């Protein structure tokens, strides 16, 4: 039975989506695309790709951490950027969150995200080992 989870330490969804969906026995975690929003729902790092990439990866880390996960549990990333050249210069930011073996990654340049001040959106799939996974008490049944 799938459950959705929106942790209290990340901005609250304002549309028809969840921050993450927990599927199966709770090991596989599907995160919605994260953008550079702080807890106050304000865009962080307007015009600064490195700052936005850092905020996005911190959001992913916070969501996983709320369930006992780590960035090393991320197995797949899909990245959407409005400027591939600026994004490609953010390798140091990424390596501050990930170490080998790195997650599989797909990166696409797009013409725009939902707000033109946003430069990057990243979605992730993670697998948290059962011995570390903690089902959030506030997770809600996705299908009833």
N, C-alpha and C. Protein backbone atom coordinates (compact mmCIF):
# COMPACT_ATOMS: atom_id res chain seq x y z
N UNK A 1 0.85 -1.18 0.00
CA UNK A 1 0.00 0.00 0.00
C UNK A 1 0.89 1.24 0.00
N UNK A 2 0.74 2.12 -0.96
CA UNK A 2 1.54 3.34 -1.06
C UNK A 2 1.03 4.40 -0.09
N UNK A 3 1.94 5.18 0.44
CA UNK A 3 1.59 6.28 1.34
C UNK A 3 2.32 7.53 0.87
N UNK A 4 1.69 8.68 1.04
CA UNK A 4 2.37 9.93 0.74
C UNK A 4 2.88 10.53 2.05
N UNK A 5 3.93 11.36 1.94
CA UNK A 5 4.52 11.96 3.13
C UNK A 5 5.07 13.34 2.79
N UNK A 6 4.66 14.33 3.57
CA UNK A 6 5.14 15.70 3.45
C UNK A 6 5.76 16.08 4.79
N UNK A 7 7.10 16.03 4.91
CA UNK A 7 7.74 16.28 6.19
C UNK A 7 7.61 17.74 6.62
N UNK A 8 7.60 17.98 7.93
CA UNK A 8 7.43 19.34 8.43
C UNK A 8 8.65 20.23 8.23
N UNK A 9 9.83 19.66 7.91
CA UNK A 9 11.04 20.47 7.77
C UNK A 9 11.35 20.86 6.33
N UNK A 10 10.36 20.73 5.44
CA UNK A 10 10.48 21.15 4.04
C UNK A 10 9.21 21.90 3.68
N UNK A 11 9.30 22.83 2.74
CA UNK A 11 8.12 23.63 2.36
C UNK A 11 6.92 22.74 2.05
N UNK A 12 5.76 23.25 2.42
CA UNK A 12 4.50 22.51 2.26
C UNK A 12 4.02 22.56 0.81
N UNK A 13 3.60 21.46 0.24
CA UNK A 13 3.07 21.47 -1.12
C UNK A 13 1.88 22.43 -1.24
N UNK A 14 1.83 23.13 -2.35
CA UNK A 14 0.73 24.08 -2.57
C UNK A 14 -0.09 23.70 -3.78
N UNK A 15 0.09 22.50 -4.25
CA UNK A 15 -0.67 22.02 -5.41
C UNK A 15 -1.01 20.55 -5.23
N UNK A 16 -1.36 19.90 -6.33
CA UNK A 16 -1.79 18.49 -6.29
C UNK A 16 -0.57 17.57 -6.38
N UNK A 17 0.24 17.57 -5.33
CA UNK A 17 1.40 16.69 -5.28
C UNK A 17 1.83 16.48 -3.85
N UNK A 18 2.62 15.44 -3.64
CA UNK A 18 3.23 15.15 -2.34
C UNK A 18 4.73 15.34 -2.48
N UNK A 19 5.42 15.58 -1.37
CA UNK A 19 6.87 15.67 -1.41
C UNK A 19 7.49 14.30 -1.69
N UNK A 20 6.84 13.24 -1.22
CA UNK A 20 7.36 11.91 -1.47
C UNK A 20 6.23 10.89 -1.40
N UNK A 21 6.45 9.74 -2.06
CA UNK A 21 5.53 8.63 -2.01
C UNK A 21 6.33 7.40 -1.60
N UNK A 22 5.84 6.72 -0.59
CA UNK A 22 6.49 5.52 -0.08
C UNK A 22 5.72 4.33 -0.64
N UNK A 23 6.43 3.44 -1.32
CA UNK A 23 5.77 2.35 -2.02
C UNK A 23 6.22 1.00 -1.48
N UNK A 24 5.39 0.01 -1.62
CA UNK A 24 5.75 -1.34 -1.22
C UNK A 24 5.94 -1.45 0.27
N UNK A 25 7.05 -2.08 0.68
CA UNK A 25 7.29 -2.29 2.11
C UNK A 25 7.96 -1.09 2.78
N UNK A 26 8.08 0.02 2.06
CA UNK A 26 8.64 1.22 2.65
C UNK A 26 10.07 1.48 2.28
N UNK A 27 10.69 0.61 1.50
CA UNK A 27 12.08 0.81 1.12
C UNK A 27 12.25 1.79 -0.03
N UNK A 28 11.37 1.73 -1.02
CA UNK A 28 11.53 2.58 -2.19
C UNK A 28 10.78 3.89 -1.98
N UNK A 29 11.49 5.00 -2.14
CA UNK A 29 10.93 6.33 -1.91
C UNK A 29 11.00 7.10 -3.24
N UNK A 30 9.87 7.66 -3.64
CA UNK A 30 9.79 8.45 -4.86
C UNK A 30 9.56 9.91 -4.45
N UNK A 31 10.49 10.77 -4.77
CA UNK A 31 10.35 12.18 -4.40
C UNK A 31 9.87 12.99 -5.59
N UNK A 32 8.97 13.92 -5.32
CA UNK A 32 8.53 14.85 -6.36
C UNK A 32 9.70 15.73 -6.75
N UNK A 33 9.59 16.37 -7.87
CA UNK A 33 10.63 17.29 -8.29
C UNK A 33 10.79 18.40 -7.27
N UNK A 34 12.02 18.57 -6.80
CA UNK A 34 12.32 19.61 -5.82
C UNK A 34 12.89 20.82 -6.54
N UNK A 35 12.46 22.00 -6.11
CA UNK A 35 12.99 23.25 -6.62
C UNK A 35 13.60 24.02 -5.44
N UNK A 36 14.20 25.15 -5.73
CA UNK A 36 14.93 25.92 -4.72
C UNK A 36 13.98 26.75 -3.87
N UNK A 37 13.11 26.07 -3.13
CA UNK A 37 12.23 26.75 -2.19
C UNK A 37 12.70 26.45 -0.78
N UNK A 38 12.73 27.50 0.05
CA UNK A 38 13.03 27.31 1.45
C UNK A 38 11.77 26.93 2.20
N UNK A 39 11.90 26.72 3.49
CA UNK A 39 10.77 26.31 4.32
C UNK A 39 9.62 27.32 4.25
N UNK A 40 9.95 28.59 3.99
CA UNK A 40 8.94 29.64 3.90
C UNK A 40 8.29 29.73 2.52
N UNK A 41 8.56 28.78 1.64
CA UNK A 41 8.04 28.74 0.26
C UNK A 41 8.58 29.87 -0.61
N UNK A 42 9.65 30.50 -0.20
CA UNK A 42 10.28 31.55 -1.00
C UNK A 42 11.44 30.95 -1.78
N UNK A 43 11.66 31.46 -2.99
CA UNK A 43 12.76 30.98 -3.82
C UNK A 43 14.09 31.40 -3.21
N UNK A 44 15.00 30.45 -3.12
CA UNK A 44 16.34 30.67 -2.58
C UNK A 44 17.30 30.82 -3.75
N UNK A 45 18.19 31.81 -3.70
CA UNK A 45 19.25 31.95 -4.70
C UNK A 45 18.78 32.39 -6.07
N UNK A 46 17.91 33.37 -6.14
CA UNK A 46 17.44 33.86 -7.44
C UNK A 46 18.65 34.26 -8.28
N UNK A 47 18.74 33.69 -9.49
CA UNK A 47 19.83 34.01 -10.41
C UNK A 47 21.13 33.27 -10.13
N UNK A 48 21.18 32.43 -9.12
CA UNK A 48 22.41 31.75 -8.71
C UNK A 48 22.21 30.23 -8.78
N UNK A 49 22.72 29.62 -9.85
CA UNK A 49 22.52 28.18 -10.08
C UNK A 49 23.11 27.35 -8.95
N UNK A 50 24.32 27.65 -8.49
CA UNK A 50 24.94 26.84 -7.44
C UNK A 50 24.12 26.87 -6.16
N UNK A 51 23.63 28.03 -5.78
CA UNK A 51 22.81 28.13 -4.57
C UNK A 51 21.51 27.36 -4.74
N UNK A 52 20.90 27.46 -5.91
CA UNK A 52 19.65 26.73 -6.13
C UNK A 52 19.87 25.22 -6.14
N UNK A 53 20.94 24.75 -6.77
CA UNK A 53 21.22 23.32 -6.76
C UNK A 53 21.44 22.85 -5.32
N UNK A 54 22.17 23.62 -4.53
CA UNK A 54 22.39 23.28 -3.14
C UNK A 54 21.10 23.20 -2.35
N UNK A 55 20.18 24.14 -2.56
CA UNK A 55 18.90 24.13 -1.84
C UNK A 55 18.06 22.92 -2.25
N UNK A 56 18.05 22.62 -3.54
CA UNK A 56 17.28 21.48 -4.03
C UNK A 56 17.81 20.18 -3.41
N UNK A 57 19.13 20.01 -3.42
CA UNK A 57 19.70 18.79 -2.85
C UNK A 57 19.50 18.74 -1.34
N UNK A 58 19.51 19.89 -0.68
CA UNK A 58 19.23 19.92 0.76
C UNK A 58 17.78 19.51 1.02
N UNK A 59 16.85 19.96 0.18
CA UNK A 59 15.45 19.54 0.33
C UNK A 59 15.32 18.02 0.20
N UNK A 60 16.00 17.45 -0.80
CA UNK A 60 15.96 16.00 -0.99
C UNK A 60 16.55 15.31 0.24
N UNK A 61 17.67 15.79 0.73
CA UNK A 61 18.30 15.22 1.90
C UNK A 61 17.39 15.29 3.13
N UNK A 62 16.69 16.40 3.30
CA UNK A 62 15.79 16.56 4.44
C UNK A 62 14.61 15.60 4.38
N UNK A 63 14.05 15.43 3.20
CA UNK A 63 12.92 14.50 3.04
C UNK A 63 13.37 13.09 3.37
N UNK A 64 14.49 12.67 2.81
CA UNK A 64 15.00 11.32 3.08
C UNK A 64 15.36 11.15 4.55
N UNK A 65 15.99 12.17 5.12
CA UNK A 65 16.39 12.10 6.53
C UNK A 65 15.22 11.91 7.47
N UNK A 66 14.06 12.46 7.10
CA UNK A 66 12.86 12.32 7.93
C UNK A 66 12.35 10.88 7.98
N UNK A 67 12.88 10.03 7.08
CA UNK A 67 12.47 8.63 7.03
C UNK A 67 13.62 7.68 7.34
N UNK A 68 14.73 8.23 7.83
CA UNK A 68 15.90 7.40 8.12
C UNK A 68 16.83 7.24 6.94
N UNK A 69 16.58 7.97 5.86
CA UNK A 69 17.38 7.84 4.66
C UNK A 69 18.57 8.78 4.62
N UNK A 70 19.44 8.49 3.68
CA UNK A 70 20.65 9.29 3.43
C UNK A 70 20.74 9.56 1.94
N UNK A 71 21.56 10.51 1.58
CA UNK A 71 21.75 10.79 0.16
C UNK A 71 22.38 9.59 -0.55
N UNK A 72 23.13 8.77 0.18
CA UNK A 72 23.71 7.56 -0.42
C UNK A 72 22.65 6.53 -0.79
N UNK A 73 21.40 6.73 -0.31
CA UNK A 73 20.30 5.84 -0.67
C UNK A 73 19.66 6.21 -2.00
N UNK A 74 19.99 7.38 -2.55
CA UNK A 74 19.42 7.82 -3.82
C UNK A 74 19.98 6.94 -4.93
N UNK A 75 19.08 6.36 -5.71
CA UNK A 75 19.49 5.49 -6.81
C UNK A 75 19.30 6.13 -8.17
N UNK A 76 18.44 7.17 -8.25
CA UNK A 76 18.14 7.78 -9.54
C UNK A 76 17.76 9.24 -9.36
N UNK A 77 18.26 10.07 -10.27
CA UNK A 77 17.90 11.50 -10.30
C UNK A 77 17.47 11.87 -11.71
N UNK A 78 16.45 12.71 -11.79
CA UNK A 78 16.09 13.37 -13.05
C UNK A 78 16.21 14.86 -12.79
N UNK A 79 17.02 15.54 -13.59
CA UNK A 79 17.31 16.95 -13.38
C UNK A 79 16.85 17.75 -14.59
N UNK A 80 16.15 18.83 -14.31
CA UNK A 80 15.63 19.70 -15.36
C UNK A 80 16.18 21.09 -15.08
N UNK A 81 16.95 21.64 -16.01
CA UNK A 81 17.56 22.94 -15.82
C UNK A 81 17.24 23.88 -16.98
N UNK A 82 17.17 25.15 -16.67
CA UNK A 82 16.92 26.14 -17.71
C UNK A 82 18.22 26.61 -18.37
N UNK A 83 19.38 26.19 -17.83
CA UNK A 83 20.67 26.58 -18.40
C UNK A 83 21.68 25.46 -18.14
N UNK A 84 21.83 24.57 -19.12
CA UNK A 84 22.69 23.40 -18.95
C UNK A 84 24.14 23.80 -18.71
N UNK A 85 24.61 24.88 -19.33
CA UNK A 85 26.00 25.29 -19.14
C UNK A 85 26.27 25.72 -17.69
N UNK A 86 25.38 26.50 -17.12
CA UNK A 86 25.54 26.90 -15.71
C UNK A 86 25.42 25.68 -14.80
N UNK A 87 24.49 24.80 -15.11
CA UNK A 87 24.30 23.60 -14.29
C UNK A 87 25.55 22.73 -14.30
N UNK A 88 26.20 22.59 -15.44
CA UNK A 88 27.37 21.73 -15.55
C UNK A 88 28.54 22.24 -14.70
N UNK A 89 28.50 23.47 -14.27
CA UNK A 89 29.55 24.03 -13.41
C UNK A 89 29.23 23.81 -11.92
N UNK A 90 28.22 23.03 -11.61
CA UNK A 90 27.80 22.81 -10.22
C UNK A 90 28.27 21.46 -9.67
N UNK A 91 29.28 20.89 -10.28
CA UNK A 91 29.77 19.58 -9.85
C UNK A 91 30.20 19.55 -8.40
N UNK A 92 30.85 20.61 -7.91
CA UNK A 92 31.28 20.63 -6.51
C UNK A 92 30.09 20.62 -5.55
N UNK A 93 29.01 21.28 -5.95
CA UNK A 93 27.81 21.27 -5.10
C UNK A 93 27.29 19.84 -5.02
N UNK A 94 27.19 19.18 -6.15
CA UNK A 94 26.68 17.80 -6.17
C UNK A 94 27.57 16.87 -5.36
N UNK A 95 28.90 17.00 -5.49
CA UNK A 95 29.78 16.09 -4.77
C UNK A 95 29.80 16.39 -3.27
N UNK A 96 29.28 17.52 -2.86
CA UNK A 96 29.15 17.76 -1.41
C UNK A 96 27.96 16.99 -0.83
N UNK A 97 27.08 16.47 -1.69
CA UNK A 97 25.92 15.68 -1.26
C UNK A 97 26.06 14.20 -1.60
N UNK A 98 26.80 13.87 -2.65
CA UNK A 98 26.92 12.49 -3.12
C UNK A 98 28.37 12.07 -3.17
N UNK A 99 28.58 10.77 -2.98
CA UNK A 99 29.89 10.18 -3.22
C UNK A 99 29.66 8.87 -3.98
N UNK A 100 30.70 8.36 -4.58
CA UNK A 100 30.59 7.14 -5.36
C UNK A 100 30.15 5.98 -4.47
N UNK A 101 29.31 5.10 -4.98
CA UNK A 101 28.75 5.12 -6.34
C UNK A 101 27.61 6.13 -6.45
N UNK A 102 27.64 6.90 -7.50
CA UNK A 102 26.66 7.97 -7.70
C UNK A 102 25.34 7.41 -8.24
N UNK A 103 24.25 8.12 -7.99
CA UNK A 103 22.96 7.67 -8.54
C UNK A 103 22.95 7.83 -10.07
N UNK A 104 22.12 7.01 -10.72
CA UNK A 104 21.91 7.22 -12.15
C UNK A 104 21.26 8.58 -12.32
N UNK A 105 21.61 9.27 -13.39
CA UNK A 105 21.16 10.65 -13.53
C UNK A 105 20.79 10.95 -14.97
N UNK A 106 19.67 11.62 -15.14
CA UNK A 106 19.26 12.15 -16.43
C UNK A 106 19.13 13.65 -16.27
N UNK A 107 19.75 14.42 -17.16
CA UNK A 107 19.69 15.88 -17.08
C UNK A 107 19.16 16.41 -18.41
N UNK A 108 18.15 17.25 -18.32
CA UNK A 108 17.54 17.86 -19.51
C UNK A 108 17.52 19.38 -19.36
N UNK A 109 17.75 20.08 -20.46
CA UNK A 109 17.54 21.52 -20.47
C UNK A 109 16.11 21.79 -20.93
N UNK A 110 15.42 22.62 -20.18
CA UNK A 110 14.04 22.97 -20.49
C UNK A 110 13.93 24.48 -20.67
N UNK A 111 12.90 24.92 -21.35
CA UNK A 111 12.77 26.35 -21.61
C UNK A 111 12.37 27.13 -20.37
N UNK A 112 11.62 26.48 -19.45
CA UNK A 112 11.17 27.19 -18.26
C UNK A 112 10.66 26.20 -17.24
N UNK A 113 10.74 26.60 -15.97
CA UNK A 113 10.07 25.87 -14.90
C UNK A 113 8.85 26.70 -14.50
N UNK A 114 8.10 26.29 -13.48
CA UNK A 114 6.83 26.96 -13.20
C UNK A 114 7.00 28.42 -12.78
N UNK A 115 8.16 28.81 -12.32
CA UNK A 115 8.46 30.22 -12.01
C UNK A 115 9.76 30.54 -12.74
N UNK A 116 9.81 31.62 -13.52
CA UNK A 116 11.01 31.91 -14.31
C UNK A 116 12.26 32.18 -13.47
N UNK A 117 12.12 32.40 -12.18
CA UNK A 117 13.28 32.61 -11.31
C UNK A 117 13.93 31.30 -10.90
N UNK A 118 13.24 30.18 -11.13
CA UNK A 118 13.78 28.86 -10.81
C UNK A 118 14.66 28.37 -11.96
N UNK A 119 15.84 27.86 -11.62
CA UNK A 119 16.81 27.43 -12.61
C UNK A 119 16.96 25.91 -12.68
N UNK A 120 16.48 25.19 -11.66
CA UNK A 120 16.71 23.76 -11.57
C UNK A 120 15.56 23.07 -10.84
N UNK A 121 15.20 21.89 -11.28
CA UNK A 121 14.27 21.02 -10.58
C UNK A 121 14.84 19.61 -10.66
N UNK A 122 14.86 18.91 -9.52
CA UNK A 122 15.42 17.56 -9.47
C UNK A 122 14.42 16.65 -8.77
N UNK A 123 14.15 15.50 -9.38
CA UNK A 123 13.35 14.47 -8.74
C UNK A 123 14.26 13.28 -8.45
N UNK A 124 13.92 12.52 -7.43
CA UNK A 124 14.80 11.42 -7.01
C UNK A 124 14.00 10.18 -6.65
N UNK A 125 14.65 9.04 -6.79
CA UNK A 125 14.16 7.76 -6.29
C UNK A 125 15.25 7.23 -5.37
N UNK A 126 14.85 6.82 -4.18
CA UNK A 126 15.81 6.28 -3.21
C UNK A 126 15.32 4.94 -2.68
N UNK A 127 16.25 4.14 -2.24
CA UNK A 127 15.93 2.88 -1.59
C UNK A 127 16.59 2.89 -0.22
N UNK A 128 15.77 2.99 0.83
CA UNK A 128 16.27 3.03 2.20
C UNK A 128 16.20 1.62 2.78
N UNK A 129 17.31 1.08 3.27
CA UNK A 129 17.28 -0.26 3.86
C UNK A 129 16.28 -0.32 5.02
N UNK A 130 15.61 -1.47 5.14
CA UNK A 130 14.59 -1.61 6.17
C UNK A 130 15.12 -1.41 7.58
N UNK A 131 16.38 -1.73 7.82
CA UNK A 131 16.91 -1.57 9.18
C UNK A 131 17.09 -0.10 9.57
N UNK A 132 17.03 0.81 8.59
CA UNK A 132 17.10 2.24 8.88
C UNK A 132 15.78 2.96 8.63
N UNK A 133 14.93 2.37 7.81
CA UNK A 133 13.70 3.06 7.41
C UNK A 133 12.76 3.25 8.60
N UNK A 134 12.21 4.44 8.70
CA UNK A 134 11.22 4.74 9.74
C UNK A 134 10.00 5.36 9.07
N UNK A 135 8.88 4.65 9.10
CA UNK A 135 7.65 5.17 8.51
C UNK A 135 7.23 6.42 9.28
N UNK A 136 7.12 7.56 8.63
CA UNK A 136 6.69 8.78 9.32
C UNK A 136 5.29 8.63 9.90
N UNK A 137 5.12 9.05 11.13
CA UNK A 137 3.81 8.93 11.78
C UNK A 137 2.73 9.72 11.04
N UNK A 138 3.12 10.77 10.34
CA UNK A 138 2.13 11.61 9.65
C UNK A 138 1.89 11.18 8.20
N UNK A 139 2.52 10.07 7.77
CA UNK A 139 2.28 9.58 6.40
C UNK A 139 0.81 9.17 6.29
N UNK A 140 0.21 9.50 5.14
CA UNK A 140 -1.20 9.23 4.92
C UNK A 140 -1.37 8.16 3.86
N UNK A 141 -2.39 7.33 4.01
CA UNK A 141 -2.68 6.29 3.02
C UNK A 141 -2.91 6.95 1.67
N UNK A 142 -2.21 6.46 0.65
CA UNK A 142 -2.33 6.99 -0.70
C UNK A 142 -3.55 6.40 -1.41
N UNK A 143 -3.80 5.13 -1.17
CA UNK A 143 -4.95 4.44 -1.79
C UNK A 143 -5.74 3.77 -0.68
N UNK A 144 -7.03 3.94 -0.70
CA UNK A 144 -7.83 3.31 0.36
C UNK A 144 -8.82 2.34 -0.23
